[in-house]
Amino acid sequence: MRLPLRRIKALRPRRRKRMTVVVGLLCKDGLVVASDSQESDDEVGMKRLDVMKVYGTDKFDFTDVEMILTGTGTSAHIGRAVEIISEKGYAPHFTLPRHVADIVEDSLGDMRDRYGEALEEDLELMIGVYCKNCPPAEEGEKPEPKLALYNIYAPGEEETQKVGVAERVEDYSAMGSGGLFARYLLNRLYDESHPTSALTMDEAVKEAVYVIEEVTKVDLWCGGPTQLICLTNDGKLERKQPAEILKIAAELTKLDQQVKESQRQLFSKQSASQKSKDQQ
């Protein structure tokens, strides 16, 4: 007896979490934070290429700090985090970058309570902070830095984890679905002999644009115009305009072609040299 064929229900593809690519770089003149601007919805097969992902101090109304914030996941979660951080940071008097990171940790705890444990799979934040009122160092002690870069992770599933965790970045960092490839690119550029702390602000801006642009070429969940804000050691915050970023990207594309041609010549010379040795 032939059994009737059963129709197999098509499985809906799982939504890719932590979509986007975020890069942060510390340099000798300050720090740079950059991201892409794409947001994808796998369920409807659509995407946007104009999503705000990098926020500046003007979104927080803080008077004693300059701040940059960006993150992974949906723009709704990032935007809501900005609102909660602004509310929590209204009263405190910030004197150290760590104080701001603590507020962000608490805010992610509040978001986990409101939106559930799934938040851990979707949202990570990166902040760059400059505190205007850092206390002077005591005699013989090293002064506290006014400028710092942090990665902040949402609380885990354990009930004991009530707040997020802020990890201080010492050189560079990358997050999101494109974060792994971004870290690979950054690792090729920097090591102990060539730290990011040797870069000027102009160089750091170009490096950040290069990494974001390269990631968007290969990661399906990343795309759109690059967004970038830089923050100097003396607290000056600047959002790079789209036209300036496009110009930088175009210049880098030309330089990249030259690098590729040099690599091809290098491989050709090495191959010819090896062939000559084999014939001797």
Foldseek 3Di string as FASTA:
>chain_A
DDDDDDDDDDDQDDDQAQFWKWKKFAAQFFIKIKIFAKAADSVVGDMDRHHDFWDWPVLQPDDFKTKIKGKTADSVVVVVLSVQLSVQPVPDQDQAPVVSVVSSFQSLLVVCVVPHQCVQRHIKMKMWMFGNHHDADDPPDDGHQRIWIWIWGHFHPDPVGRTIDIDTDDGMAMTGPLRVVLVVLVVVVDDPVRTNHHDDPVRNLLSRLVSLVVSQVPDPSGHHQMWMWTAGSNGDIDTDDRVVSVVSVVVVVVVVVVVVVVVVVVVVVVVVVVVVVVVD
